[in-house]
Protein backbone atom coordinates (compact mmCIF):
# COMPACT_ATOMS: atom_id res chain seq x y z
CA MET A 1 -0.06 -0.21 0.05
CA ARG A 2 1.25 3.51 -0.85
CA ARG A 3 1.50 6.07 1.96
CA ALA A 4 0.26 9.42 0.98
CA LYS A 5 2.82 12.29 0.58
CA ARG A 6 3.21 14.62 3.39
CA PHE A 7 3.12 18.70 2.52
CA LYS A 8 4.84 21.29 4.14
CA ALA A 9 2.69 23.93 5.73
CA VAL A 10 2.16 27.19 3.82
CA PRO A 11 3.46 29.96 6.04
CA ALA A 12 1.66 32.97 7.09
CA PHE A 13 2.70 35.81 5.06
CA GLN A 14 2.72 39.64 6.23
CA SER A 15 2.12 40.99 2.61
CA GLU A 16 1.76 40.07 -0.71
CA GLU A 17 4.92 41.05 -1.66
CA ASP A 18 6.34 38.59 0.68
CA GLU A 19 4.01 35.42 -0.55
CA ARG A 20 5.02 36.37 -4.11
CA THR A 21 8.94 36.32 -3.18
CA PHE A 22 8.44 32.90 -1.49
CA TRP A 23 6.72 31.09 -4.39
CA GLU A 24 9.44 32.87 -6.89
CA THR A 25 11.90 30.32 -4.61
CA HIS A 26 10.15 27.57 -3.71
CA ASP A 27 8.51 24.48 -5.67
CA THR A 28 4.94 24.21 -5.11
CA THR A 29 4.55 20.60 -5.23
CA GLU A 30 6.49 20.30 -1.92
CA TYR A 31 3.22 22.31 -0.32
CA VAL A 32 -0.16 21.38 -2.61
CA ASP A 33 -1.73 18.34 -3.38
CA TRP A 34 -2.09 18.97 -7.26
CA SER A 35 -3.85 15.79 -7.62
CA GLN A 36 -7.02 17.55 -6.05
CA ALA A 37 -6.63 20.43 -7.91
CA ARG A 38 -9.94 21.58 -9.90
CA VAL A 39 -10.15 24.36 -12.57
CA GLY A 40 -11.49 27.62 -11.14
CA VAL A 41 -14.18 29.48 -12.83
CA PHE A 42 -14.88 33.30 -12.42
CA PRO A 43 -17.81 34.31 -14.47
CA ASP A 44 -18.01 38.02 -13.38
CA LEU A 45 -14.25 38.41 -13.55
CA ARG A 46 -13.72 41.15 -15.87
CA PRO A 47 -10.21 42.87 -16.73
CA SER A 48 -9.00 45.71 -14.66
CA THR A 49 -9.21 48.95 -16.96
CA GLU A 50 -7.34 52.41 -16.44
CA THR A 51 -8.73 55.57 -17.62
CA ILE A 52 -6.59 57.66 -20.13
CA SER A 53 -6.73 60.84 -21.72
CA LEU A 54 -6.00 60.96 -25.80
CA ARG A 55 -6.25 63.95 -27.96
CA LEU A 56 -7.12 62.74 -31.26
CA PRO A 57 -7.27 64.90 -34.52
CA ALA A 58 -11.51 65.72 -35.01
CA GLY A 59 -11.29 64.23 -38.32
CA LEU A 60 -9.96 61.03 -37.47
CA LEU A 61 -12.52 60.65 -34.19
CA ALA A 62 -15.26 61.41 -36.34
CA GLU A 63 -14.39 58.67 -38.52
CA LEU A 64 -13.95 56.21 -35.95
CA LYS A 65 -17.64 57.35 -34.81
CA ILE A 66 -18.85 56.60 -38.14
CA PHE A 67 -17.26 53.28 -38.26
CA ALA A 68 -18.75 52.50 -34.46
CA ASN A 69 -22.50 53.97 -35.57
CA LYS A 70 -21.93 51.09 -38.85
CA ARG A 71 -21.28 48.58 -36.39
CA ASP A 72 -23.76 49.68 -33.63
CA VAL A 73 -21.10 50.05 -30.60
CA PRO A 74 -19.63 52.65 -28.69
CA TYR A 75 -17.01 54.43 -30.52
CA GLN A 76 -14.45 53.89 -27.42
CA SER A 77 -15.14 49.90 -27.73
CA LEU A 78 -14.47 49.82 -31.23
CA MET A 79 -11.04 52.06 -30.32
CA LYS A 80 -10.18 49.12 -27.59
CA ILE A 81 -10.92 46.43 -30.36
CA PHE A 82 -9.03 47.94 -33.08
CA LEU A 83 -5.86 48.58 -30.57
CA ALA A 84 -6.54 44.97 -29.26
CA GLU A 85 -5.80 43.69 -32.90
CA ARG A 86 -2.69 45.98 -33.74
CA VAL A 87 -1.34 44.96 -30.44
CA ALA A 88 -1.70 41.14 -31.17
CA ARG A 89 -0.43 41.80 -34.73
CA GLU A 90 2.58 43.61 -33.38
CA ARG A 91 3.31 40.81 -30.96
CA ALA A 92 3.01 38.25 -33.71
CA ILE A 93 5.54 40.29 -35.65
CA ASN A 94 7.83 40.61 -32.82
CA ALA A 95 7.60 36.96 -30.95
CA GLY A 96 10.70 35.58 -30.11
CA PRO A 97 13.96 37.37 -28.55
CA ALA A 98 13.59 40.73 -28.06
CA SER A 99 14.87 42.97 -31.11
CA ASP A 100 16.08 46.60 -31.97
CA LYS A 101 13.31 46.79 -34.42
CA ALA A 102 10.48 46.90 -31.91
CA LEU A 103 11.99 49.81 -30.33
CA PRO A 104 10.87 53.00 -31.68
CA ARG A 105 13.82 55.15 -33.92
CA THR A 106 14.59 57.35 -31.08
CA ARG A 107 15.24 55.09 -28.61
CA GLN A 108 17.63 52.17 -30.64
CA LYS A 109 21.08 52.23 -29.40
CA ARG A 110 23.85 52.90 -32.28
CA ARG A 111 26.20 49.54 -32.10
CA ALA A 112 29.36 49.91 -32.90
CA PRO A 113 30.58 47.49 -36.01
CA GLU A 114 32.06 44.18 -35.08
CA PRO A 115 35.76 44.00 -36.18
CA GLU A 116 36.55 41.80 -38.84
CA ARG A 117 37.88 38.13 -38.13
């Protein structure tokens, strides 16, 4: 007969930062019986949002409102959709190791030419 594995007790943490640091340096399999884990479902969970102020040319804003009206969505929602699609496209293009081309031109560091071998 197989003996049940004994797990270590999870310590009490003073702060979220302490807990984060702990789990970054410890293996959860010593503390949690993952064979008993279940998938969590959070139907009312919404991503956090942040309010920003954005200045747009009047013509661009008017066009966005026309597009949104045709789709029967608020123009702010349409802007979020457009931005999310573009960010996903950029992420796909720049997938893999970070590259200098992902940085704006003004932030790129000039590299000295490599010596010939």
